[in-house]
Amino acid sequence: MSKKKVLVIISSGDKNVISTAMTFGIVSFEAKLYDDLKVFFFGPSEKVITEDKDLQSSLSKLIKDGITPVACVNVSNAFDITPKLTALGFNAIPVGKAIADLVNQDYATMVF
């Protein structure tokens, strides 16, 4: 049986939900549970990650493992946090088309 490709979308503004989603991403990636794993931040999660050092530590682990986190540049511009996100290692892009492209490439989506 072939493995699936997964897109994790983290949109919650709740620190515990964001932490759980990132832990899921880290553990899944390290265990090679999927053919590919992508992590997108979209909405309130973008603001929370710029303000929370514990979440930033988990983010560093995600990046160290080889996952480049993606953030919605339209949301980050509205929150005036795009420079903070890019400094943390995010690729800030318009995510609408990117999400559609991944779904059309048969990525399963998990939304937190």
PDB file of N, CA and C in Angstrom:
ATOM      1  N   MET A   1       0.841  -1.179   0.000  1.00  0.00           N
ATOM      2  CA  MET A   1       0.000   0.000   0.000  1.00  0.00           C
ATOM      3  C   MET A   1       0.890   1.248   0.000  1.00  0.00           C
ATOM      4  N   SER A   2       0.594   2.166  -0.883  1.00  0.00           N
ATOM      5  CA  SER A   2       1.395   3.390  -0.942  1.00  0.00           C
ATOM      6  C   SER A   2       0.959   4.362   0.148  1.00  0.00           C
ATOM      7  N   LYS A   3       1.907   5.179   0.559  1.00  0.00           N
ATOM      8  CA  LYS A   3       1.626   6.183   1.583  1.00  0.00           C
ATOM      9  C   LYS A   3       0.982   7.396   0.944  1.00  0.00           C
ATOM     10  N   LYS A   4       0.271   8.144   1.736  1.00  0.00           N
ATOM     11  CA  LYS A   4      -0.428   9.340   1.283  1.00  0.00           C
ATOM     12  C   LYS A   4       0.433  10.580   1.499  1.00  0.00           C
ATOM     13  N   LYS A   5       0.019  11.655   0.866  1.00  0.00           N
ATOM     14  CA  LYS A   5       0.601  12.971   1.071  1.00  0.00           C
ATOM     15  C   LYS A   5      -0.388  13.756   1.928  1.00  0.00           C
ATOM     16  N   VAL A   6       0.130  14.514   2.914  1.00  0.00           N
ATOM     17  CA  VAL A   6      -0.747  15.197   3.861  1.00  0.00           C
ATOM     18  C   VAL A   6      -0.403  16.679   3.949  1.00  0.00           C
ATOM     19  N   LEU A   7      -1.442  17.485   3.957  1.00  0.00           N
ATOM     20  CA  LEU A   7      -1.334  18.920   4.197  1.00  0.00           C
ATOM     21  C   LEU A   7      -1.972  19.217   5.540  1.00  0.00           C
ATOM     22  N   VAL A   8      -1.183  19.710   6.469  1.00  0.00           N
ATOM     23  CA  VAL A   8      -1.682  20.117   7.782  1.00  0.00           C
ATOM     24  C   VAL A   8      -1.913  21.623   7.727  1.00  0.00           C
ATOM     25  N   ILE A   9      -3.144  22.030   7.978  1.00  0.00           N
ATOM     26  CA  ILE A   9      -3.484  23.452   8.017  1.00  0.00           C
ATOM     27  C   ILE A   9      -3.777  23.814   9.467  1.00  0.00           C
ATOM     28  N   ILE A  10      -2.981  24.728  10.001  1.00  0.00           N
ATOM     29  CA  ILE A  10      -3.152  25.162  11.389  1.00  0.00           C
ATOM     30  C   ILE A  10      -3.761  26.563  11.347  1.00  0.00           C
ATOM     31  N   SER A  11      -5.011  26.664  11.781  1.00  0.00           N
ATOM     32  CA  SER A  11      -5.684  27.959  11.733  1.00  0.00           C
ATOM     33  C   SER A  11      -6.126  28.451  13.114  1.00  0.00           C
ATOM     34  N   SER A  12      -6.183  27.575  14.073  1.00  0.00           N
ATOM     35  CA  SER A  12      -6.662  27.934  15.404  1.00  0.00           C
ATOM     36  C   SER A  12      -5.762  28.980  16.068  1.00  0.00           C
ATOM     37  N   GLY A  13      -6.373  29.805  16.874  1.00  0.00           N
ATOM     38  CA  GLY A  13      -5.617  30.752  17.678  1.00  0.00           C
ATOM     39  C   GLY A  13      -5.315  30.222  19.066  1.00  0.00           C
ATOM     40  N   ASP A  14      -5.685  28.970  19.331  1.00  0.00           N
ATOM     41  CA  ASP A  14      -5.472  28.344  20.636  1.00  0.00           C
ATOM     42  C   ASP A  14      -4.080  27.713  20.681  1.00  0.00           C
ATOM     43  N   LYS A  15      -3.261  28.148  21.623  1.00  0.00           N
ATOM     44  CA  LYS A  15      -1.887  27.656  21.742  1.00  0.00           C
ATOM     45  C   LYS A  15      -1.823  26.137  21.845  1.00  0.00           C
ATOM     46  N   ASN A  16      -2.728  25.538  22.604  1.00  0.00           N
ATOM     47  CA  ASN A  16      -2.706  24.085  22.784  1.00  0.00           C
ATOM     48  C   ASN A  16      -3.006  23.342  21.483  1.00  0.00           C
ATOM     49  N   VAL A  17      -3.911  23.880  20.691  1.00  0.00           N
ATOM     50  CA  VAL A  17      -4.243  23.267  19.401  1.00  0.00           C
ATOM     51  C   VAL A  17      -3.052  23.403  18.453  1.00  0.00           C
ATOM     52  N   ILE A  18      -2.433  24.572  18.432  1.00  0.00           N
ATOM     53  CA  ILE A  18      -1.270  24.795  17.575  1.00  0.00           C
ATOM     54  C   ILE A  18      -0.137  23.852  17.969  1.00  0.00           C
ATOM     55  N   SER A  19       0.093  23.716  19.258  1.00  0.00           N
ATOM     56  CA  SER A  19       1.143  22.826  19.755  1.00  0.00           C
ATOM     57  C   SER A  19       0.873  21.378  19.363  1.00  0.00           C
ATOM     58  N   THR A  20      -0.374  20.947  19.505  1.00  0.00           N
ATOM     59  CA  THR A  20      -0.749  19.584  19.137  1.00  0.00           C
ATOM     60  C   THR A  20      -0.526  19.345  17.645  1.00  0.00           C
ATOM     61  N   ALA A  21      -0.916  20.296  16.823  1.00  0.00           N
ATOM     62  CA  ALA A  21      -0.757  20.158  15.376  1.00  0.00           C
ATOM     63  C   ALA A  21       0.718  20.083  14.989  1.00  0.00           C
ATOM     64  N   MET A  22       1.544  20.917  15.609  1.00  0.00           N
ATOM     65  CA  MET A  22       2.966  20.887  15.276  1.00  0.00           C
ATOM     66  C   MET A  22       3.616  19.591  15.760  1.00  0.00           C
ATOM     67  N   THR A  23       3.208  19.118  16.934  1.00  0.00           N
ATOM     68  CA  THR A  23       3.727  17.839  17.425  1.00  0.00           C
ATOM     69  C   THR A  23       3.342  16.716  16.468  1.00  0.00           C
ATOM     70  N   PHE A  24       2.101  16.736  16.006  1.00  0.00           N
ATOM     71  CA  PHE A  24       1.658  15.756  15.012  1.00  0.00           C
ATOM     72  C   PHE A  24       2.557  15.810  13.782  1.00  0.00           C
ATOM     73  N   GLY A  25       2.834  17.005  13.300  1.00  0.00           N
ATOM     74  CA  GLY A  25       3.683  17.172  12.125  1.00  0.00           C
ATOM     75  C   GLY A  25       5.086  16.645  12.344  1.00  0.00           C
ATOM     76  N   ILE A  26       5.668  16.981  13.471  1.00  0.00           N
ATOM     77  CA  ILE A  26       7.036  16.541  13.783  1.00  0.00           C
ATOM     78  C   ILE A  26       7.112  15.023  13.881  1.00  0.00           C
ATOM     79  N   VAL A  27       6.222  14.437  14.673  1.00  0.00           N
ATOM     80  CA  VAL A  27       6.239  12.986  14.878  1.00  0.00           C
ATOM     81  C   VAL A  27       5.957  12.245  13.571  1.00  0.00           C
ATOM     82  N   SER A  28       4.981  12.706  12.811  1.00  0.00           N
ATOM     83  CA  SER A  28       4.637  12.062  11.538  1.00  0.00           C
ATOM     84  C   SER A  28       5.793  12.129  10.556  1.00  0.00           C
ATOM     85  N   PHE A  29       6.442  13.290  10.497  1.00  0.00           N
ATOM     86  CA  PHE A  29       7.554  13.461   9.563  1.00  0.00           C
ATOM     87  C   PHE A  29       8.732  12.578   9.967  1.00  0.00           C
ATOM     88  N   GLU A  30       9.079  12.595  11.255  1.00  0.00           N
ATOM     89  CA  GLU A  30      10.221  11.805  11.723  1.00  0.00           C
ATOM     90  C   GLU A  30       9.990  10.303  11.561  1.00  0.00           C
ATOM     91  N   ALA A  31       8.738   9.874  11.699  1.00  0.00           N
ATOM     92  CA  ALA A  31       8.412   8.452  11.563  1.00  0.00           C
ATOM     93  C   ALA A  31       8.161   8.056  10.108  1.00  0.00           C
ATOM     94  N   LYS A  32       8.256   9.030   9.216  1.00  0.00           N
ATOM     95  CA  LYS A  32       8.032   8.793   7.782  1.00  0.00           C
ATOM     96  C   LYS A  32       6.692   8.110   7.520  1.00  0.00           C
ATOM     97  N   LEU A  33       5.651   8.639   8.173  1.00  0.00           N
ATOM     98  CA  LEU A  33       4.323   8.050   8.048  1.00  0.00           C
ATOM     99  C   LEU A  33       3.651   8.362   6.720  1.00  0.00           C
ATOM    100  N   TYR A  34       4.119   9.423   6.049  1.00  0.00           N
ATOM    101  CA  TYR A  34       3.509   9.857   4.794  1.00  0.00           C
ATOM    102  C   TYR A  34       4.582  10.056   3.735  1.00  0.00           C
ATOM    103  N   ASP A  35       4.170   9.999   2.466  1.00  0.00           N
ATOM    104  CA  ASP A  35       5.091  10.300   1.373  1.00  0.00           C
ATOM    105  C   ASP A  35       5.578  11.739   1.449  1.00  0.00           C
ATOM    106  N   ASP A  36       4.697  12.642   1.844  1.00  0.00           N
ATOM    107  CA  ASP A  36       5.048  14.051   1.974  1.00  0.00           C
ATOM    108  C   ASP A  36       4.146  14.679   3.020  1.00  0.00           C
ATOM    109  N   LEU A  37       4.680  15.666   3.713  1.00  0.00           N
ATOM    110  CA  LEU A  37       3.922  16.379   4.740  1.00  0.00           C
ATOM    111  C   LEU A  37       4.229  17.860   4.609  1.00  0.00           C
ATOM    112  N   LYS A  38       3.190  18.658   4.477  1.00  0.00           N
ATOM    113  CA  LYS A  38       3.339  20.106   4.408  1.00  0.00           C
ATOM    114  C   LYS A  38       2.542  20.716   5.548  1.00  0.00           C
ATOM    115  N   VAL A  39       3.060  21.841   6.091  1.00  0.00           N
ATOM    116  CA  VAL A  39       2.404  22.510   7.208  1.00  0.00           C
ATOM    117  C   VAL A  39       2.150  23.964   6.836  1.00  0.00           C
ATOM    118  N   PHE A  40       0.866  24.344   6.821  1.00  0.00           N
ATOM    119  CA  PHE A  40       0.452  25.711   6.516  1.00  0.00           C
ATOM    120  C   PHE A  40      -0.184  26.336   7.752  1.00  0.00           C
ATOM    121  N   PHE A  41       0.195  27.551   8.056  1.00  0.00           N
ATOM    122  CA  PHE A  41      -0.465  28.356   9.084  1.00  0.00           C
ATOM    123  C   PHE A  41      -1.369  29.343   8.351  1.00  0.00           C
ATOM    124  N   PHE A  42      -2.597  29.481   8.847  1.00  0.00           N
ATOM    125  CA  PHE A  42      -3.588  30.281   8.134  1.00  0.00           C
ATOM    126  C   PHE A  42      -4.536  30.896   9.148  1.00  0.00           C
ATOM    127  N   GLY A  43      -4.499  32.209   9.304  1.00  0.00           N
ATOM    128  CA  GLY A  43      -5.407  32.872  10.231  1.00  0.00           C
ATOM    129  C   GLY A  43      -4.766  33.185  11.562  1.00  0.00           C
ATOM    130  N   PRO A  44      -5.545  33.072  12.650  1.00  0.00           N
ATOM    131  CA  PRO A  44      -5.064  33.471  13.973  1.00  0.00           C
ATOM    132  C   PRO A  44      -3.773  32.771  14.422  1.00  0.00           C
ATOM    133  N   SER A  45      -3.544  31.559  13.949  1.00  0.00           N
ATOM    134  CA  SER A  45      -2.325  30.839  14.334  1.00  0.00           C
ATOM    135  C   SER A  45      -1.066  31.604  13.940  1.00  0.00           C
ATOM    136  N   GLU A  46      -1.151  32.362  12.859  1.00  0.00           N
ATOM    137  CA  GLU A  46       0.004  33.131  12.403  1.00  0.00           C
ATOM    138  C   GLU A  46       0.413  34.171  13.441  1.00  0.00           C
ATOM    139  N   LYS A  47      -0.554  34.830  14.030  1.00  0.00           N
ATOM    140  CA  LYS A  47      -0.268  35.847  15.045  1.00  0.00           C
ATOM    141  C   LYS A  47       0.255  35.200  16.323  1.00  0.00           C
ATOM    142  N   VAL A  48      -0.377  34.116  16.739  1.00  0.00           N
ATOM    143  CA  VAL A  48       0.011  33.455  17.988  1.00  0.00           C
ATOM    144  C   VAL A  48       1.454  32.953  17.919  1.00  0.00           C
ATOM    145  N   ILE A  49       1.863  32.374  16.797  1.00  0.00           N
ATOM    146  CA  ILE A  49       3.213  31.820  16.691  1.00  0.00           C
ATOM    147  C   ILE A  49       4.278  32.912  16.795  1.00  0.00           C
ATOM    148  N   THR A  50       3.941  34.147  16.392  1.00  0.00           N
ATOM    149  CA  THR A  50       4.920  35.230  16.490  1.00  0.00           C
ATOM    150  C   THR A  50       5.085  35.733  17.919  1.00  0.00           C
ATOM    151  N   GLU A  51       4.161  35.360  18.793  1.00  0.00           N
ATOM    152  CA  GLU A  51       4.156  35.886  20.161  1.00  0.00           C
ATOM    153  C   GLU A  51       4.547  34.860  21.217  1.00  0.00           C
ATOM    154  N   ASP A  52       4.646  33.587  20.864  1.00  0.00           N
ATOM    155  CA  ASP A  52       4.816  32.538  21.866  1.00  0.00           C
ATOM    156  C   ASP A  52       6.146  31.799  21.690  1.00  0.00           C
ATOM    157  N   LYS A  53       7.025  31.923  22.665  1.00  0.00           N
ATOM    158  CA  LYS A  53       8.366  31.322  22.590  1.00  0.00           C
ATOM    159  C   LYS A  53       8.313  29.794  22.611  1.00  0.00           C
ATOM    160  N   ASP A  54       7.375  29.202  23.359  1.00  0.00           N
ATOM    161  CA  ASP A  54       7.261  27.734  23.387  1.00  0.00           C
ATOM    162  C   ASP A  54       6.891  27.198  22.011  1.00  0.00           C
ATOM    163  N   LEU A  55       5.938  27.845  21.368  1.00  0.00           N
ATOM    164  CA  LEU A  55       5.542  27.420  20.024  1.00  0.00           C
ATOM    165  C   LEU A  55       6.678  27.647  19.026  1.00  0.00           C
ATOM    166  N   GLN A  56       7.421  28.719  19.208  1.00  0.00           N
ATOM    167  CA  GLN A  56       8.558  28.989  18.330  1.00  0.00           C
ATOM    168  C   GLN A  56       9.626  27.912  18.472  1.00  0.00           C
ATOM    169  N   SER A  57       9.775  27.360  19.664  1.00  0.00           N
ATOM    170  CA  SER A  57      10.718  26.258  19.877  1.00  0.00           C
ATOM    171  C   SER A  57      10.286  25.024  19.086  1.00  0.00           C
ATOM    172  N   SER A  58       8.990  24.713  19.125  1.00  0.00           N
ATOM    173  CA  SER A  58       8.469  23.594  18.333  1.00  0.00           C
ATOM    174  C   SER A  58       8.617  23.868  16.847  1.00  0.00           C
ATOM    175  N   LEU A  59       8.406  25.117  16.458  1.00  0.00           N
ATOM    176  CA  LEU A  59       8.563  25.510  15.064  1.00  0.00           C
ATOM    177  C   LEU A  59      10.004  25.274  14.602  1.00  0.00           C
ATOM    178  N   SER A  60      10.961  25.602  15.452  1.00  0.00           N
ATOM    179  CA  SER A  60      12.373  25.377  15.117  1.00  0.00           C
ATOM    180  C   SER A  60      12.657  23.908  14.883  1.00  0.00           C
ATOM    181  N   LYS A  61      12.038  23.038  15.666  1.00  0.00           N
ATOM    182  CA  LYS A  61      12.196  21.596  15.495  1.00  0.00           C
ATOM    183  C   LYS A  61      11.613  21.157  14.154  1.00  0.00           C
ATOM    184  N   LEU A  62      10.458  21.684  13.818  1.00  0.00           N
ATOM    185  CA  LEU A  62       9.811  21.373  12.543  1.00  0.00           C
ATOM    186  C   LEU A  62      10.736  21.755  11.380  1.00  0.00           C
ATOM    187  N   ILE A  63      11.299  22.945  11.466  1.00  0.00           N
ATOM    188  CA  ILE A  63      12.195  23.442  10.416  1.00  0.00           C
ATOM    189  C   ILE A  63      13.476  22.618  10.374  1.00  0.00           C
ATOM    190  N   LYS A  64      14.022  22.297  11.539  1.00  0.00           N
ATOM    191  CA  LYS A  64      15.246  21.492  11.610  1.00  0.00           C
ATOM    192  C   LYS A  64      15.034  20.124  10.962  1.00  0.00           C
ATOM    193  N   ASP A  65      13.827  19.577  11.097  1.00  0.00           N
ATOM    194  CA  ASP A  65      13.503  18.282  10.489  1.00  0.00           C
ATOM    195  C   ASP A  65      13.393  18.367   8.963  1.00  0.00           C
ATOM    196  N   GLY A  66      13.269  19.590   8.432  1.00  0.00           N
ATOM    197  CA  GLY A  66      13.216  19.750   6.990  1.00  0.00           C
ATOM    198  C   GLY A  66      11.878  20.210   6.439  1.00  0.00           C
ATOM    199  N   ILE A  67      10.981  20.602   7.313  1.00  0.00           N
ATOM    200  CA  ILE A  67       9.678  21.098   6.864  1.00  0.00           C
ATOM    201  C   ILE A  67       9.721  22.626   6.872  1.00  0.00           C
ATOM    202  N   THR A  68       9.458  23.229   5.720  1.00  0.00           N
ATOM    203  CA  THR A  68       9.370  24.689   5.658  1.00  0.00           C
ATOM    204  C   THR A  68       7.917  25.090   5.897  1.00  0.00           C
ATOM    205  N   PRO A  69       7.642  25.756   7.021  1.00  0.00           N
ATOM    206  CA  PRO A  69       6.261  26.164   7.278  1.00  0.00           C
ATOM    207  C   PRO A  69       5.846  27.281   6.325  1.00  0.00           C
ATOM    208  N   VAL A  70       4.584  27.266   5.959  1.00  0.00           N
ATOM    209  CA  VAL A  70       4.022  28.261   5.050  1.00  0.00           C
ATOM    210  C   VAL A  70       2.982  29.066   5.818  1.00  0.00           C
ATOM    211  N   ALA A  71       2.964  30.378   5.586  1.00  0.00           N
ATOM    212  CA  ALA A  71       1.954  31.251   6.183  1.00  0.00           C
ATOM    213  C   ALA A  71       1.276  32.043   5.081  1.00  0.00           C
ATOM    214  N   CYS A  72       0.035  32.394   5.313  1.00  0.00           N
ATOM    215  CA  CYS A  72      -0.701  33.206   4.344  1.00  0.00           C
ATOM    216  C   CYS A  72      -0.234  34.654   4.436  1.00  0.00           C
ATOM    217  N   VAL A  73       0.361  35.145   3.368  1.00  0.00           N
ATOM    218  CA  VAL A  73       0.877  36.506   3.353  1.00  0.00           C
ATOM    219  C   VAL A  73      -0.238  37.539   3.452  1.00  0.00           C
ATOM    220  N   ASN A  74      -1.411  37.226   2.956  1.00  0.00           N
ATOM    221  CA  ASN A  74      -2.523  38.178   3.058  1.00  0.00           C
ATOM    222  C   ASN A  74      -2.948  38.363   4.512  1.00  0.00           C
ATOM    223  N   VAL A  75      -3.000  37.268   5.247  1.00  0.00           N
ATOM    224  CA  VAL A  75      -3.332  37.341   6.677  1.00  0.00           C
ATOM    225  C   VAL A  75      -2.205  38.026   7.437  1.00  0.00           C
ATOM    226  N   SER A  76      -0.970  37.627   7.165  1.00  0.00           N
ATOM    227  CA  SER A  76       0.153  38.208   7.906  1.00  0.00           C
ATOM    228  C   SER A  76       0.312  39.698   7.621  1.00  0.00           C
ATOM    229  N   ASN A  77       0.011  40.126   6.401  1.00  0.00           N
ATOM    230  CA  ASN A  77       0.039  41.564   6.112  1.00  0.00           C
ATOM    231  C   ASN A  77      -1.056  42.290   6.891  1.00  0.00           C
ATOM    232  N   ALA A  78      -2.227  41.686   6.994  1.00  0.00           N
ATOM    233  CA  ALA A  78      -3.332  42.296   7.747  1.00  0.00           C
ATOM    234  C   ALA A  78      -2.979  42.433   9.230  1.00  0.00           C
ATOM    235  N   PHE A  79      -2.246  41.446   9.763  1.00  0.00           N
ATOM    236  CA  PHE A  79      -1.808  41.501  11.166  1.00  0.00           C
ATOM    237  C   PHE A  79      -0.502  42.275  11.322  1.00  0.00           C
ATOM    238  N   ASP A  80       0.098  42.688  10.214  1.00  0.00           N
ATOM    239  CA  ASP A  80       1.382  43.392  10.204  1.00  0.00           C
ATOM    240  C   ASP A  80       2.489  42.565  10.864  1.00  0.00           C
ATOM    241  N   ILE A  81       2.545  41.279  10.494  1.00  0.00           N
ATOM    242  CA  ILE A  81       3.533  40.371  11.096  1.00  0.00           C
ATOM    243  C   ILE A  81       4.371  39.622  10.059  1.00  0.00           C
ATOM    244  N   THR A  82       4.266  39.982   8.798  1.00  0.00           N
ATOM    245  CA  THR A  82       5.005  39.256   7.764  1.00  0.00           C
ATOM    246  C   THR A  82       6.503  39.219   8.037  1.00  0.00           C
ATOM    247  N   PRO A  83       7.151  40.331   8.399  1.00  0.00           N
ATOM    248  CA  PRO A  83       8.597  40.264   8.688  1.00  0.00           C
ATOM    249  C   PRO A  83       8.930  39.320   9.852  1.00  0.00           C
ATOM    250  N   LYS A  84       8.071  39.289  10.858  1.00  0.00           N
ATOM    251  CA  LYS A  84       8.295  38.382  11.996  1.00  0.00           C
ATOM    252  C   LYS A  84       8.217  36.929  11.548  1.00  0.00           C
ATOM    253  N   LEU A  85       7.234  36.616  10.721  1.00  0.00           N
ATOM    254  CA  LEU A  85       7.074  35.239  10.251  1.00  0.00           C
ATOM    255  C   LEU A  85       8.253  34.811   9.382  1.00  0.00           C
ATOM    256  N   THR A  86       8.679  35.664   8.485  1.00  0.00           N
ATOM    257  CA  THR A  86       9.807  35.285   7.631  1.00  0.00           C
ATOM    258  C   THR A  86      11.086  35.134   8.458  1.00  0.00           C
ATOM    259  N   ALA A  87      11.242  35.954   9.490  1.00  0.00           N
ATOM    260  CA  ALA A  87      12.405  35.820  10.375  1.00  0.00           C
ATOM    261  C   ALA A  87      12.377  34.495  11.136  1.00  0.00           C
ATOM    262  N   LEU A  88      11.177  33.981  11.397  1.00  0.00           N
ATOM    263  CA  LEU A  88      11.035  32.692  12.084  1.00  0.00           C
ATOM    264  C   LEU A  88      11.233  31.503  11.134  1.00  0.00           C
ATOM    265  N   GLY A  89      11.302  31.770   9.833  1.00  0.00           N
ATOM    266  CA  GLY A  89      11.537  30.696   8.874  1.00  0.00           C
ATOM    267  C   GLY A  89      10.360  30.338   7.997  1.00  0.00           C
ATOM    268  N   PHE A  90       9.300  31.130   8.069  1.00  0.00           N
ATOM    269  CA  PHE A  90       8.114  30.871   7.248  1.00  0.00           C
ATOM    270  C   PHE A  90       8.325  31.316   5.811  1.00  0.00           C
ATOM    271  N   ASN A  91       7.668  30.625   4.908  1.00  0.00           N
ATOM    272  CA  ASN A  91       7.516  31.063   3.537  1.00  0.00           C
ATOM    273  C   ASN A  91       6.136  31.707   3.487  1.00  0.00           C
ATOM    274  N   ALA A  92       6.084  33.034   3.366  1.00  0.00           N
ATOM    275  CA  ALA A  92       4.809  33.758   3.361  1.00  0.00           C
ATOM    276  C   ALA A  92       4.328  33.937   1.926  1.00  0.00           C
ATOM    277  N   ILE A  93       3.228  33.279   1.604  1.00  0.00           N
ATOM    278  CA  ILE A  93       2.677  33.300   0.243  1.00  0.00           C
ATOM    279  C   ILE A  93       1.148  33.393   0.324  1.00  0.00           C
ATOM    280  N   PRO A  94       0.483  33.757  -0.791  1.00  0.00           N
ATOM    281  CA  PRO A  94      -0.979  33.647  -0.820  1.00  0.00           C
ATOM    282  C   PRO A  94      -1.331  32.145  -0.831  1.00  0.00           C
ATOM    283  N   VAL A  95      -1.996  31.662   0.194  1.00  0.00           N
ATOM    284  CA  VAL A  95      -2.163  30.208   0.328  1.00  0.00           C
ATOM    285  C   VAL A  95      -3.373  29.631  -0.393  1.00  0.00           C
ATOM    286  N   GLY A  96      -4.312  30.457  -0.810  1.00  0.00           N
ATOM    287  CA  GLY A  96      -5.518  29.926  -1.457  1.00  0.00           C
ATOM    288  C   GLY A  96      -5.214  29.023  -2.632  1.00  0.00           C
ATOM    289  N   LYS A  97      -4.431  29.507  -3.573  1.00  0.00           N
ATOM    290  CA  LYS A  97      -4.080  28.705  -4.744  1.00  0.00           C
ATOM    291  C   LYS A  97      -3.170  27.550  -4.349  1.00  0.00           C
ATOM    292  N   ALA A  98      -2.259  27.784  -3.427  1.00  0.00           N
ATOM    293  CA  ALA A  98      -1.345  26.723  -2.995  1.00  0.00           C
ATOM    294  C   ALA A  98      -2.115  25.553  -2.382  1.00  0.00           C
ATOM    295  N   ILE A  99      -3.112  25.856  -1.561  1.00  0.00           N
ATOM    296  CA  ILE A  99      -3.941  24.801  -0.971  1.00  0.00           C
ATOM    297  C   ILE A  99      -4.710  24.065  -2.066  1.00  0.00           C
ATOM    298  N   ALA A 100      -5.302  24.813  -2.986  1.00  0.00           N
ATOM    299  CA  ALA A 100      -6.049  24.188  -4.085  1.00  0.00           C
ATOM    300  C   ALA A 100      -5.141  23.280  -4.908  1.00  0.00           C
ATOM    301  N   ASP A 101      -3.930  23.743  -5.199  1.00  0.00           N
ATOM    302  CA  ASP A 101      -2.985  22.925  -5.975  1.00  0.00           C
ATOM    303  C   ASP A 101      -2.672  21.618  -5.246  1.00  0.00           C
ATOM    304  N   LEU A 102      -2.445  21.692  -3.937  1.00  0.00           N
ATOM    305  CA  LEU A 102      -2.121  20.480  -3.173  1.00  0.00           C
ATOM    306  C   LEU A 102      -3.308  19.524  -3.101  1.00  0.00           C
ATOM    307  N   VAL A 103      -4.494  20.061  -2.895  1.00  0.00           N
ATOM    308  CA  VAL A 103      -5.701  19.216  -2.873  1.00  0.00           C
ATOM    309  C   VAL A 103      -5.861  18.523  -4.226  1.00  0.00           C
ATOM    310  N   ASN A 104      -5.614  19.262  -5.296  1.00  0.00           N
ATOM    311  CA  ASN A 104      -5.723  18.690  -6.640  1.00  0.00           C
ATOM    312  C   ASN A 104      -4.616  17.685  -6.944  1.00  0.00           C
ATOM    313  N   GLN A 105      -3.566  17.685  -6.124  1.00  0.00           N
ATOM    314  CA  GLN A 105      -2.501  16.682  -6.237  1.00  0.00           C
ATOM    315  C   GLN A 105      -2.733  15.536  -5.248  1.00  0.00           C
ATOM    316  N   ASP A 106      -3.964  15.429  -4.757  1.00  0.00           N
ATOM    317  CA  ASP A 106      -4.390  14.346  -3.863  1.00  0.00           C
ATOM    318  C   ASP A 106      -3.784  14.393  -2.462  1.00  0.00           C
ATOM    319  N   TYR A 107      -3.425  15.561  -1.980  1.00  0.00           N
ATOM    320  CA  TYR A 107      -3.019  15.678  -0.584  1.00  0.00           C
ATOM    321  C   TYR A 107      -4.261  15.581   0.296  1.00  0.00           C
ATOM    322  N   ALA A 108      -4.184  14.772   1.325  1.00  0.00           N
ATOM    323  CA  ALA A 108      -5.240  14.739   2.330  1.00  0.00           C
ATOM    324  C   ALA A 108      -5.028  15.951   3.222  1.00  0.00           C
ATOM    325  N   THR A 109      -6.117  16.620   3.606  1.00  0.00           N
ATOM    326  CA  THR A 109      -5.978  17.790   4.466  1.00  0.00           C
ATOM    327  C   THR A 109      -6.421  17.467   5.878  1.00  0.00           C
ATOM    328  N   MET A 110      -5.653  17.987   6.810  1.00  0.00           N
ATOM    329  CA  MET A 110      -5.992  17.899   8.233  1.00  0.00           C
ATOM    330  C   MET A 110      -5.981  19.323   8.757  1.00  0.00           C
ATOM    331  N   VAL A 111      -7.089  19.747   9.306  1.00  0.00           N
ATOM    332  CA  VAL A 111      -7.213  21.137   9.757  1.00  0.00           C
ATOM    333  C   VAL A 111      -7.311  21.174  11.282  1.00  0.00           C
ATOM    334  N   PHE A 112      -6.432  21.970  11.864  1.00  0.00           N
ATOM    335  CA  PHE A 112      -6.412  22.149  13.325  1.00  0.00           C
ATOM    336  C   PHE A 112      -6.762  23.581  13.655  1.00  0.00           C
TER     337      PHE A 112
END
